[in-house]
Amino acid sequence: MVRIDVPGDRKVTHRNVAANGARFHIAELGDGPLVLLVHGFPQFWWTWRHQLVALADAGFRAVAMDLRGVGGSDRTPRGYDPANLALDITGVIRSLGEPDAALVGHDLGGYLAWTAAAMRPKLVRRLAVVSMPHPRRWRSAMLSDVRQTAASSYIWGFQRPWIPERQLTADNGALVARLVREWSGPRLPDDEAVRVYRRAMCIPSTAHCAIEPYRWLVRSLARPDGIQFYRRMKRPVRVPTLHLHGSLDPVQRTRSAAGSGEYVEAPYRWRLFDGLGHFPHEEDPITFSAELVNWLKDPEPDR
């Protein structure tokens, strides 16, 4: 169900790799320096289908992974805090036999990419984050910005037990379709893409595992483990960073994301896509992929 093709009938290699005590499904295309792509909610590896092709054509080894509990990866009973999920990502880099990777993350995957770059800097060659502020900026916005709190109302709703899981899988994932469409800009996803995401969310236990990271994010705001995590995230990112955001993103406000560069002690480039929403890599894949590839190939990415 999740081992499907990408545009142009390109044959990606699907396999499982072991990392951090679990098995992770990856989809791979191309040869060259490793670029690891990490999806967000409510999606799985296939959200990067256009970028896999573009990166492979540009001379990169493009790998899209399924996060713990999603797609074809293991659904473990625990391990959904951001520190452990970030170790999943860096563990996959090691399991792929590479010394490091350019790490690209969207939404929750972006949050984890920020985390991985701070926790395991030697394994992250470059960092590209899409539609997600730095974790400390996210925390500050959630606690102090009423508009961001309202925009993230779905996260507060996830704190209830069991009800969100039932809502996500009801009517064959109808809520997933609504969220993907509502969070997009004017360029809505096609019906086939929506069907794919609905089916993936309805794989048993996926909804619960997909929600668990958001439960940790909120419940940890005032807990010792959360305070310790956000204290650790004061450690600056010291690799070139590309920060991509849609101007019409209704989930993560531009104001929340802008300013994340204060946590980067390296070349930092901010790129705002006019007229795009929360999924710029899907809404305008040609423009997005060109921006990403050009930055990855730039030997001296400036501020």
C-alpha atoms as a PDB file:
ATOM      1  CA  MET A   1       0.000   0.000   0.000  1.00  0.00           C
ATOM      2  CA  VAL A   2       2.877   2.414   0.699  1.00  0.00           C
ATOM      3  CA  ARG A   3       5.390   0.965  -1.766  1.00  0.00           C
ATOM      4  CA  ILE A   4       4.128   2.877  -4.765  1.00  0.00           C
ATOM      5  CA  ASP A   5       5.722   4.583  -7.739  1.00  0.00           C
ATOM      6  CA  VAL A   6       6.656   8.219  -8.286  1.00  0.00           C
ATOM      7  CA  PRO A   7       5.860  10.476 -11.294  1.00  0.00           C
ATOM      8  CA  GLY A   8       7.157   9.369 -14.654  1.00  0.00           C
ATOM      9  CA  ASP A   9       7.009   5.712 -13.633  1.00  0.00           C
ATOM     10  CA  ARG A  10      10.493   5.991 -12.173  1.00  0.00           C
ATOM     11  CA  LYS A  11      11.326   2.834 -10.265  1.00  0.00           C
ATOM     12  CA  VAL A  12      12.293   3.738  -6.758  1.00  0.00           C
ATOM     13  CA  THR A  13      13.982   1.149  -4.568  1.00  0.00           C
ATOM     14  CA  HIS A  14      11.896   0.251  -1.526  1.00  0.00           C
ATOM     15  CA  ARG A  15      13.520  -1.431   1.443  1.00  0.00           C
ATOM     16  CA  ASN A  16      13.684  -1.491   5.228  1.00  0.00           C
ATOM     17  CA  VAL A  17      16.685  -0.360   7.272  1.00  0.00           C
ATOM     18  CA  ALA A  18      17.323  -0.901  10.977  1.00  0.00           C
ATOM     19  CA  ALA A  19      18.025   2.125  13.171  1.00  0.00           C
ATOM     20  CA  ASN A  20      17.565   3.104  16.817  1.00  0.00           C
ATOM     21  CA  GLY A  21      15.829  -0.139  17.754  1.00  0.00           C
ATOM     22  CA  ALA A  22      13.240  -0.175  14.945  1.00  0.00           C
ATOM     23  CA  ARG A  23      12.861  -0.815  11.213  1.00  0.00           C
ATOM     24  CA  PHE A  24      12.218   2.050   8.843  1.00  0.00           C
ATOM     25  CA  HIS A  25      10.853   1.942   5.330  1.00  0.00           C
ATOM     26  CA  ILE A  26      12.743   4.055   2.802  1.00  0.00           C
ATOM     27  CA  ALA A  27      12.214   4.896  -0.865  1.00  0.00           C
ATOM     28  CA  GLU A  28      15.431   5.583  -2.782  1.00  0.00           C
ATOM     29  CA  LEU A  29      16.298   6.990  -6.207  1.00  0.00           C
ATOM     30  CA  GLY A  30      19.575   8.144  -7.747  1.00  0.00           C
ATOM     31  CA  ASP A  31      23.274   8.097  -6.883  1.00  0.00           C
ATOM     32  CA  GLY A  32      25.529  10.717  -5.365  1.00  0.00           C
ATOM     33  CA  PRO A  33      25.653  12.680  -2.097  1.00  0.00           C
ATOM     34  CA  LEU A  34      22.841  11.618   0.235  1.00  0.00           C
ATOM     35  CA  VAL A  35      19.770  13.824   0.649  1.00  0.00           C
ATOM     36  CA  LEU A  36      17.379  12.437   3.289  1.00  0.00           C
ATOM     37  CA  LEU A  37      13.760  13.637   3.086  1.00  0.00           C
ATOM     38  CA  VAL A  38      11.486  13.518   6.156  1.00  0.00           C
ATOM     39  CA  HIS A  39       7.717  13.933   5.851  1.00  0.00           C
ATOM     40  CA  GLY A  40       5.221  15.636   8.131  1.00  0.00           C
ATOM     41  CA  PHE A  41       1.589  15.131   9.161  1.00  0.00           C
ATOM     42  CA  PRO A  42      -0.732  13.742   7.805  1.00  0.00           C
ATOM     43  CA  GLN A  43       1.511  12.222   5.157  1.00  0.00           C
ATOM     44  CA  PHE A  44       4.258   9.642   4.599  1.00  0.00           C
ATOM     45  CA  TRP A  45       7.313   9.314   2.330  1.00  0.00           C
ATOM     46  CA  TRP A  46       5.266   9.763  -0.864  1.00  0.00           C
ATOM     47  CA  THR A  47       4.870  13.503  -0.188  1.00  0.00           C
ATOM     48  CA  TRP A  48       8.422  13.820  -1.597  1.00  0.00           C
ATOM     49  CA  ARG A  49       7.674  11.971  -4.853  1.00  0.00           C
ATOM     50  CA  HIS A  50       8.467  15.013  -7.041  1.00  0.00           C
ATOM     51  CA  GLN A  51      11.661  15.860  -5.154  1.00  0.00           C
ATOM     52  CA  LEU A  52      12.964  12.283  -5.350  1.00  0.00           C
ATOM     53  CA  VAL A  53      12.940  12.565  -9.138  1.00  0.00           C
ATOM     54  CA  ALA A  54      14.355  16.097  -9.243  1.00  0.00           C
ATOM     55  CA  LEU A  55      17.167  15.302  -6.817  1.00  0.00           C
ATOM     56  CA  ALA A  56      18.093  12.060  -8.566  1.00  0.00           C
ATOM     57  CA  ASP A  57      18.206  13.879 -11.920  1.00  0.00           C
ATOM     58  CA  ALA A  58      20.468  16.505 -10.319  1.00  0.00           C
ATOM     59  CA  GLY A  59      23.028  13.896  -9.230  1.00  0.00           C
ATOM     60  CA  PHE A  60      21.986  13.137  -5.659  1.00  0.00           C
ATOM     61  CA  ARG A  61      21.128   9.953  -3.806  1.00  0.00           C
ATOM     62  CA  ALA A  62      17.596  10.881  -2.768  1.00  0.00           C
ATOM     63  CA  VAL A  63      16.040   8.891   0.076  1.00  0.00           C
ATOM     64  CA  ALA A  64      12.597   9.509   1.591  1.00  0.00           C
ATOM     65  CA  MET A  65      11.893   7.742   4.884  1.00  0.00           C
ATOM     66  CA  ASP A  66       8.720   6.924   6.789  1.00  0.00           C
ATOM     67  CA  LEU A  67       8.817   8.156  10.361  1.00  0.00           C
ATOM     68  CA  ARG A  68       8.340   5.730  13.242  1.00  0.00           C
ATOM     69  CA  GLY A  69       4.732   4.544  13.289  1.00  0.00           C
ATOM     70  CA  VAL A  70       3.850   5.759   9.789  1.00  0.00           C
ATOM     71  CA  GLY A  71       3.809   4.271   6.290  1.00  0.00           C
ATOM     72  CA  GLY A  72       5.913   1.128   6.136  1.00  0.00           C
ATOM     73  CA  SER A  73       7.942   1.736   9.306  1.00  0.00           C
ATOM     74  CA  ASP A  74       7.573  -0.082  12.616  1.00  0.00           C
ATOM     75  CA  ARG A  75       4.725   0.917  14.932  1.00  0.00           C
ATOM     76  CA  THR A  76       6.415   0.720  18.306  1.00  0.00           C
ATOM     77  CA  PRO A  77       4.533   1.246  21.595  1.00  0.00           C
ATOM     78  CA  ARG A  78       6.768   4.178  22.613  1.00  0.00           C
ATOM     79  CA  GLY A  79       9.575   6.423  21.347  1.00  0.00           C
ATOM     80  CA  TYR A  80       7.602   9.345  19.899  1.00  0.00           C
ATOM     81  CA  ASP A  81       9.329  12.210  21.681  1.00  0.00           C
ATOM     82  CA  PRO A  82      11.348  14.489  19.347  1.00  0.00           C
ATOM     83  CA  ALA A  83      14.747  13.537  20.729  1.00  0.00           C
ATOM     84  CA  ASN A  84      14.162   9.851  19.994  1.00  0.00           C
ATOM     85  CA  LEU A  85      12.546  10.535  16.613  1.00  0.00           C
ATOM     86  CA  ALA A  86      15.562  12.652  15.674  1.00  0.00           C
ATOM     87  CA  LEU A  87      17.808   9.728  16.596  1.00  0.00           C
ATOM     88  CA  ASP A  88      15.694   7.584  14.255  1.00  0.00           C
ATOM     89  CA  ILE A  89      16.629   9.966  11.449  1.00  0.00           C
ATOM     90  CA  THR A  90      20.341  10.089  12.207  1.00  0.00           C
ATOM     91  CA  GLY A  91      20.305   6.319  12.707  1.00  0.00           C
ATOM     92  CA  VAL A  92      18.904   5.890   9.192  1.00  0.00           C
ATOM     93  CA  ILE A  93      21.753   8.030   7.837  1.00  0.00           C
ATOM     94  CA  ARG A  94      24.245   5.676   9.486  1.00  0.00           C
ATOM     95  CA  SER A  95      22.378   2.582   8.285  1.00  0.00           C
ATOM     96  CA  LEU A  96      22.577   3.866   4.720  1.00  0.00           C
ATOM     97  CA  GLY A  97      26.359   3.732   5.044  1.00  0.00           C
ATOM     98  CA  GLU A  98      26.873   7.468   4.621  1.00  0.00           C
ATOM     99  CA  PRO A  99      29.042   9.752   6.761  1.00  0.00           C
ATOM    100  CA  ASP A 100      26.416  12.505   6.646  1.00  0.00           C
ATOM    101  CA  ALA A 101      23.399  13.790   4.729  1.00  0.00           C
ATOM    102  CA  ALA A 102      21.682  16.923   3.577  1.00  0.00           C
ATOM    103  CA  LEU A 103      18.545  16.717   5.699  1.00  0.00           C
ATOM    104  CA  VAL A 104      15.218  18.033   4.385  1.00  0.00           C
ATOM    105  CA  GLY A 105      12.157  18.050   6.658  1.00  0.00           C
ATOM    106  CA  HIS A 106       8.587  19.283   6.305  1.00  0.00           C
ATOM    107  CA  ASP A 107       6.154  20.102   9.131  1.00  0.00           C
ATOM    108  CA  LEU A 108       6.839  17.587  11.940  1.00  0.00           C
ATOM    109  CA  GLY A 109       9.725  16.301   9.845  1.00  0.00           C
ATOM    110  CA  GLY A 110      11.076  19.848   9.846  1.00  0.00           C
ATOM    111  CA  TYR A 111      10.822  20.033  13.632  1.00  0.00           C
ATOM    112  CA  LEU A 112      12.788  16.791  13.855  1.00  0.00           C
ATOM    113  CA  ALA A 113      15.308  17.989  11.275  1.00  0.00           C
ATOM    114  CA  TRP A 114      16.027  21.073  13.418  1.00  0.00           C
ATOM    115  CA  THR A 115      16.447  18.713  16.371  1.00  0.00           C
ATOM    116  CA  ALA A 116      18.745  16.284  14.557  1.00  0.00           C
ATOM    117  CA  ALA A 117      20.997  19.089  13.318  1.00  0.00           C
ATOM    118  CA  ALA A 118      21.411  20.367  16.890  1.00  0.00           C
ATOM    119  CA  MET A 119      21.834  16.939  18.519  1.00  0.00           C
ATOM    120  CA  ARG A 120      24.008  15.171  15.918  1.00  0.00           C
ATOM    121  CA  PRO A 121      25.710  17.950  13.925  1.00  0.00           C
ATOM    122  CA  LYS A 122      28.397  15.687  12.469  1.00  0.00           C
ATOM    123  CA  LEU A 123      25.757  13.663  10.628  1.00  0.00           C
ATOM    124  CA  VAL A 124      23.971  16.631   9.025  1.00  0.00           C
ATOM    125  CA  ARG A 125      25.859  18.245   6.146  1.00  0.00           C
ATOM    126  CA  ARG A 126      23.141  20.772   5.313  1.00  0.00           C
ATOM    127  CA  LEU A 127      19.672  21.473   6.651  1.00  0.00           C
ATOM    128  CA  ALA A 128      16.506  22.449   4.756  1.00  0.00           C
ATOM    129  CA  VAL A 129      13.309  23.014   6.739  1.00  0.00           C
ATOM    130  CA  VAL A 130       9.873  23.471   5.210  1.00  0.00           C
ATOM    131  CA  SER A 131       6.809  24.981   6.926  1.00  0.00           C
ATOM    132  CA  MET A 132       8.153  24.714  10.467  1.00  0.00           C
ATOM    133  CA  PRO A 133       9.851  27.188  12.819  1.00  0.00           C
ATOM    134  CA  HIS A 134      12.760  26.245  15.018  1.00  0.00           C
ATOM    135  CA  PRO A 135      11.472  24.268  18.055  1.00  0.00           C
ATOM    136  CA  ARG A 136      12.144  27.141  20.432  1.00  0.00           C
ATOM    137  CA  ARG A 137      10.356  29.576  18.123  1.00  0.00           C
ATOM    138  CA  TRP A 138       7.469  27.103  17.872  1.00  0.00           C
ATOM    139  CA  ARG A 139       7.210  26.842  21.644  1.00  0.00           C
ATOM    140  CA  SER A 140       7.315  30.601  22.082  1.00  0.00           C
ATOM    141  CA  ALA A 141       4.620  31.151  19.444  1.00  0.00           C
ATOM    142  CA  MET A 142       2.352  28.461  20.882  1.00  0.00           C
ATOM    143  CA  LEU A 143       2.566  30.022  24.349  1.00  0.00           C
ATOM    144  CA  SER A 144       2.438  33.723  23.476  1.00  0.00           C
ATOM    145  CA  ASP A 145       0.826  34.234  20.057  1.00  0.00           C
ATOM    146  CA  VAL A 146      -2.949  33.882  20.161  1.00  0.00           C
ATOM    147  CA  ARG A 147      -3.164  33.605  16.370  1.00  0.00           C
ATOM    148  CA  GLN A 148      -0.615  30.793  16.239  1.00  0.00           C
ATOM    149  CA  THR A 149      -2.406  29.018  19.060  1.00  0.00           C
ATOM    150  CA  ALA A 150      -5.629  29.229  17.043  1.00  0.00           C
ATOM    151  CA  ALA A 151      -3.902  28.094  13.850  1.00  0.00           C
ATOM    152  CA  SER A 152      -2.631  25.043  15.727  1.00  0.00           C
ATOM    153  CA  SER A 153      -6.021  24.141  17.167  1.00  0.00           C
ATOM    154  CA  TYR A 154      -5.740  20.652  15.685  1.00  0.00           C
ATOM    155  CA  ILE A 155      -2.742  19.998  17.963  1.00  0.00           C
ATOM    156  CA  TRP A 156      -4.748  20.931  21.046  1.00  0.00           C
ATOM    157  CA  GLY A 157      -7.506  18.607  19.821  1.00  0.00           C
ATOM    158  CA  PHE A 158      -5.006  15.754  19.606  1.00  0.00           C
ATOM    159  CA  GLN A 159      -4.570  15.813  23.384  1.00  0.00           C
ATOM    160  CA  ARG A 160      -7.811  13.915  23.933  1.00  0.00           C
ATOM    161  CA  PRO A 161      -7.512  10.124  24.280  1.00  0.00           C
ATOM    162  CA  TRP A 162      -8.692   7.922  21.391  1.00  0.00           C
ATOM    163  CA  ILE A 163     -11.137  10.418  19.895  1.00  0.00           C
ATOM    164  CA  PRO A 164      -8.614  11.924  17.421  1.00  0.00           C
ATOM    165  CA  GLU A 165      -7.622   8.479  16.179  1.00  0.00           C
ATOM    166  CA  ARG A 166     -11.248   7.628  15.462  1.00  0.00           C
ATOM    167  CA  GLN A 167     -11.778  10.951  13.738  1.00  0.00           C
ATOM    168  CA  LEU A 168      -8.753  10.475  11.470  1.00  0.00           C
ATOM    169  CA  THR A 169      -9.835   7.028  10.303  1.00  0.00           C
ATOM    170  CA  ALA A 170     -13.608   7.612  10.131  1.00  0.00           C
ATOM    171  CA  ASP A 171     -15.154   7.356   6.669  1.00  0.00           C
ATOM    172  CA  ASN A 172     -11.917   5.969   5.214  1.00  0.00           C
ATOM    173  CA  GLY A 173      -9.828   8.934   6.292  1.00  0.00           C
ATOM    174  CA  ALA A 174     -12.162  11.733   5.220  1.00  0.00           C
ATOM    175  CA  LEU A 175     -10.618  14.091   7.788  1.00  0.00           C
ATOM    176  CA  VAL A 176      -7.186  13.611   6.226  1.00  0.00           C
ATOM    177  CA  ALA A 177      -8.600  14.782   2.902  1.00  0.00           C
ATOM    178  CA  ARG A 178     -10.125  17.852   4.531  1.00  0.00           C
ATOM    179  CA  LEU A 179      -6.932  18.787   6.359  1.00  0.00           C
ATOM    180  CA  VAL A 180      -4.721  18.428   3.289  1.00  0.00           C
ATOM    181  CA  ARG A 181      -7.075  20.586   1.229  1.00  0.00           C
ATOM    182  CA  GLU A 182      -7.664  23.209   3.920  1.00  0.00           C
ATOM    183  CA  TRP A 183      -3.960  23.584   4.643  1.00  0.00           C
ATOM    184  CA  SER A 184      -3.037  23.999   0.973  1.00  0.00           C
ATOM    185  CA  GLY A 185      -3.056  27.280  -0.905  1.00  0.00           C
ATOM    186  CA  PRO A 186      -5.096  27.849  -4.092  1.00  0.00           C
ATOM    187  CA  ARG A 187      -3.293  24.964  -5.836  1.00  0.00           C
ATOM    188  CA  LEU A 188      -5.188  22.093  -4.286  1.00  0.00           C
ATOM    189  CA  PRO A 189      -3.891  18.510  -4.349  1.00  0.00           C
ATOM    190  CA  ASP A 190      -5.364  16.235  -6.963  1.00  0.00           C
ATOM    191  CA  ASP A 191      -7.883  13.575  -6.008  1.00  0.00           C
ATOM    192  CA  GLU A 192      -5.407  10.720  -6.415  1.00  0.00           C
ATOM    193  CA  ALA A 193      -2.952  12.249  -3.949  1.00  0.00           C
ATOM    194  CA  VAL A 194      -5.738  12.710  -1.429  1.00  0.00           C
ATOM    195  CA  ARG A 195      -6.812   9.080  -1.839  1.00  0.00           C
ATOM    196  CA  VAL A 196      -3.245   7.908  -1.238  1.00  0.00           C
ATOM    197  CA  TYR A 197      -2.980   9.855   2.028  1.00  0.00           C
ATOM    198  CA  ARG A 198      -6.377   8.636   3.192  1.00  0.00           C
ATOM    199  CA  ARG A 199      -5.428   5.009   2.616  1.00  0.00           C
ATOM    200  CA  ALA A 200      -2.083   5.399   4.375  1.00  0.00           C
ATOM    201  CA  MET A 201      -3.678   6.914   7.490  1.00  0.00           C
ATOM    202  CA  CYS A 202      -6.118   4.007   7.708  1.00  0.00           C
ATOM    203  CA  ILE A 203      -3.373   1.385   8.042  1.00  0.00           C
ATOM    204  CA  PRO A 204      -3.927  -0.055  11.541  1.00  0.00           C
ATOM    205  CA  SER A 205      -2.253   1.893  14.381  1.00  0.00           C
ATOM    206  CA  THR A 206      -1.012   4.651  12.059  1.00  0.00           C
ATOM    207  CA  ALA A 207      -3.384   7.325  13.348  1.00  0.00           C
ATOM    208  CA  HIS A 208      -2.348   6.712  16.950  1.00  0.00           C
ATOM    209  CA  CYS A 209       1.369   6.756  16.141  1.00  0.00           C
ATOM    210  CA  ALA A 210       1.029   9.875  13.980  1.00  0.00           C
ATOM    211  CA  ILE A 211      -0.650  11.754  16.830  1.00  0.00           C
ATOM    212  CA  GLU A 212       1.694  10.704  19.640  1.00  0.00           C
ATOM    213  CA  PRO A 213       4.487  13.217  18.803  1.00  0.00           C
ATOM    214  CA  TYR A 214       1.990  16.080  19.069  1.00  0.00           C
ATOM    215  CA  ARG A 215       0.766  14.821  22.412  1.00  0.00           C
ATOM    216  CA  TRP A 216       4.337  14.918  23.690  1.00  0.00           C
ATOM    217  CA  LEU A 217       4.917  18.421  22.312  1.00  0.00           C
ATOM    218  CA  VAL A 218       1.997  19.879  24.265  1.00  0.00           C
ATOM    219  CA  ARG A 219       2.157  17.798  27.438  1.00  0.00           C
ATOM    220  CA  SER A 220       5.882  18.442  27.792  1.00  0.00           C
ATOM    221  CA  LEU A 221       5.607  22.230  27.682  1.00  0.00           C
ATOM    222  CA  ALA A 222       5.633  22.415  31.479  1.00  0.00           C
ATOM    223  CA  ARG A 223       7.178  19.023  32.303  1.00  0.00           C
ATOM    224  CA  PRO A 224      10.833  18.535  33.278  1.00  0.00           C
ATOM    225  CA  ASP A 225      11.588  16.419  30.198  1.00  0.00           C
ATOM    226  CA  GLY A 226      10.150  19.072  27.900  1.00  0.00           C
ATOM    227  CA  ILE A 227      11.940  21.915  29.652  1.00  0.00           C
ATOM    228  CA  GLN A 228      15.189  19.972  29.403  1.00  0.00           C
ATOM    229  CA  PHE A 229      14.586  19.329  25.685  1.00  0.00           C
ATOM    230  CA  TYR A 230      13.957  22.977  24.886  1.00  0.00           C
ATOM    231  CA  ARG A 231      17.022  23.916  26.919  1.00  0.00           C
ATOM    232  CA  ARG A 232      19.076  21.528  24.791  1.00  0.00           C
ATOM    233  CA  MET A 233      17.661  23.176  21.678  1.00  0.00           C
ATOM    234  CA  LYS A 234      19.432  26.417  22.610  1.00  0.00           C
ATOM    235  CA  ARG A 235      22.445  24.743  21.012  1.00  0.00           C
ATOM    236  CA  PRO A 236      22.818  26.519  17.656  1.00  0.00           C
ATOM    237  CA  VAL A 237      22.703  24.831  14.279  1.00  0.00           C
ATOM    238  CA  ARG A 238      26.127  25.127  12.691  1.00  0.00           C
ATOM    239  CA  VAL A 239      25.467  23.921   9.137  1.00  0.00           C
ATOM    240  CA  PRO A 240      24.157  25.900   6.136  1.00  0.00           C
ATOM    241  CA  THR A 241      20.385  26.139   6.486  1.00  0.00           C
ATOM    242  CA  LEU A 242      17.611  26.786   3.968  1.00  0.00           C
ATOM    243  CA  HIS A 243      14.253  27.768   5.457  1.00  0.00           C
ATOM    244  CA  LEU A 244      11.277  27.470   3.090  1.00  0.00           C
ATOM    245  CA  HIS A 245       7.757  28.688   3.829  1.00  0.00           C
ATOM    246  CA  GLY A 246       4.482  29.331   2.030  1.00  0.00           C
ATOM    247  CA  SER A 247       3.065  32.840   2.437  1.00  0.00           C
ATOM    248  CA  LEU A 248      -0.472  31.430   2.811  1.00  0.00           C
ATOM    249  CA  ASP A 249       0.392  28.699   5.313  1.00  0.00           C
ATOM    250  CA  PRO A 250      -2.612  28.531   7.687  1.00  0.00           C
ATOM    251  CA  VAL A 251      -0.954  26.101  10.102  1.00  0.00           C
ATOM    252  CA  GLN A 252       2.421  27.706  10.828  1.00  0.00           C
ATOM    253  CA  ARG A 253       2.219  31.468  10.544  1.00  0.00           C
ATOM    254  CA  THR A 254       4.988  33.221   8.669  1.00  0.00           C
ATOM    255  CA  ARG A 255       5.556  35.361  11.758  1.00  0.00           C
ATOM    256  CA  SER A 256       6.171  32.198  13.799  1.00  0.00           C
ATOM    257  CA  ALA A 257       8.693  30.762  11.356  1.00  0.00           C
ATOM    258  CA  ALA A 258      10.549  33.976  10.532  1.00  0.00           C
ATOM    259  CA  GLY A 259      13.338  34.655  12.951  1.00  0.00           C
ATOM    260  CA  SER A 260      14.414  31.031  13.296  1.00  0.00           C
ATOM    261  CA  GLY A 261      17.752  32.130  11.900  1.00  0.00           C
ATOM    262  CA  GLU A 262      18.721  33.378  15.352  1.00  0.00           C
ATOM    263  CA  TYR A 263      19.393  29.718  16.199  1.00  0.00           C
ATOM    264  CA  VAL A 264      21.689  29.199  13.198  1.00  0.00           C
ATOM    265  CA  GLU A 265      25.383  30.054  13.401  1.00  0.00           C
ATOM    266  CA  ALA A 266      26.021  29.339   9.727  1.00  0.00           C
ATOM    267  CA  PRO A 267      24.773  30.647   6.374  1.00  0.00           C
ATOM    268  CA  TYR A 268      20.979  30.912   6.648  1.00  0.00           C
ATOM    269  CA  ARG A 269      18.659  31.530   3.715  1.00  0.00           C
ATOM    270  CA  TRP A 270      14.957  32.365   4.124  1.00  0.00           C
ATOM    271  CA  ARG A 271      12.695  31.778   1.126  1.00  0.00           C
ATOM    272  CA  LEU A 272       9.003  32.720   1.184  1.00  0.00           C
ATOM    273  CA  PHE A 273       6.883  31.212  -1.603  1.00  0.00           C
ATOM    274  CA  ASP A 274       4.178  33.688  -2.523  1.00  0.00           C
ATOM    275  CA  GLY A 275       0.700  32.206  -2.910  1.00  0.00           C
ATOM    276  CA  LEU A 276       1.514  28.772  -1.494  1.00  0.00           C
ATOM    277  CA  GLY A 277       0.210  27.115   1.645  1.00  0.00           C
ATOM    278  CA  HIS A 278       1.510  24.479   4.037  1.00  0.00           C
ATOM    279  CA  PHE A 279       2.726  22.048   1.343  1.00  0.00           C
ATOM    280  CA  PRO A 280       4.896  24.108  -1.046  1.00  0.00           C
ATOM    281  CA  HIS A 281       6.795  21.022  -2.210  1.00  0.00           C
ATOM    282  CA  GLU A 282       3.531  19.555  -3.500  1.00  0.00           C
ATOM    283  CA  GLU A 283       1.667  22.722  -4.454  1.00  0.00           C
ATOM    284  CA  ASP A 284       4.446  23.962  -6.776  1.00  0.00           C
ATOM    285  CA  PRO A 285       6.944  21.101  -7.034  1.00  0.00           C
ATOM    286  CA  ILE A 286       8.886  22.558  -9.977  1.00  0.00           C
ATOM    287  CA  THR A 287       9.674  25.869  -8.277  1.00  0.00           C
ATOM    288  CA  PHE A 288      10.302  24.201  -4.928  1.00  0.00           C
ATOM    289  CA  SER A 289      12.607  21.530  -6.339  1.00  0.00           C
ATOM    290  CA  ALA A 290      14.586  24.097  -8.327  1.00  0.00           C
ATOM    291  CA  GLU A 291      15.105  26.189  -5.183  1.00  0.00           C
ATOM    292  CA  LEU A 292      16.241  23.147  -3.197  1.00  0.00           C
ATOM    293  CA  VAL A 293      18.549  21.731  -5.879  1.00  0.00           C
ATOM    294  CA  ASN A 294      20.181  25.095  -6.607  1.00  0.00           C
ATOM    295  CA  TRP A 295      20.868  25.622  -2.907  1.00  0.00           C
ATOM    296  CA  LEU A 296      22.270  22.112  -2.463  1.00  0.00           C
ATOM    297  CA  LYS A 297      24.611  22.665  -5.406  1.00  0.00           C
ATOM    298  CA  ASP A 298      25.718  26.110  -4.253  1.00  0.00           C
ATOM    299  CA  PRO A 299      29.220  25.621  -2.775  1.00  0.00           C
ATOM    300  CA  GLU A 300      28.933  28.806  -0.716  1.00  0.00           C
ATOM    301  CA  PRO A 301      25.319  29.430   0.315  1.00  0.00           C
ATOM    302  CA  ASP A 302      25.276  32.947   1.663  1.00  0.00           C
ATOM    303  CA  ARG A 303      22.942  34.659   4.068  1.00  0.00           C
END
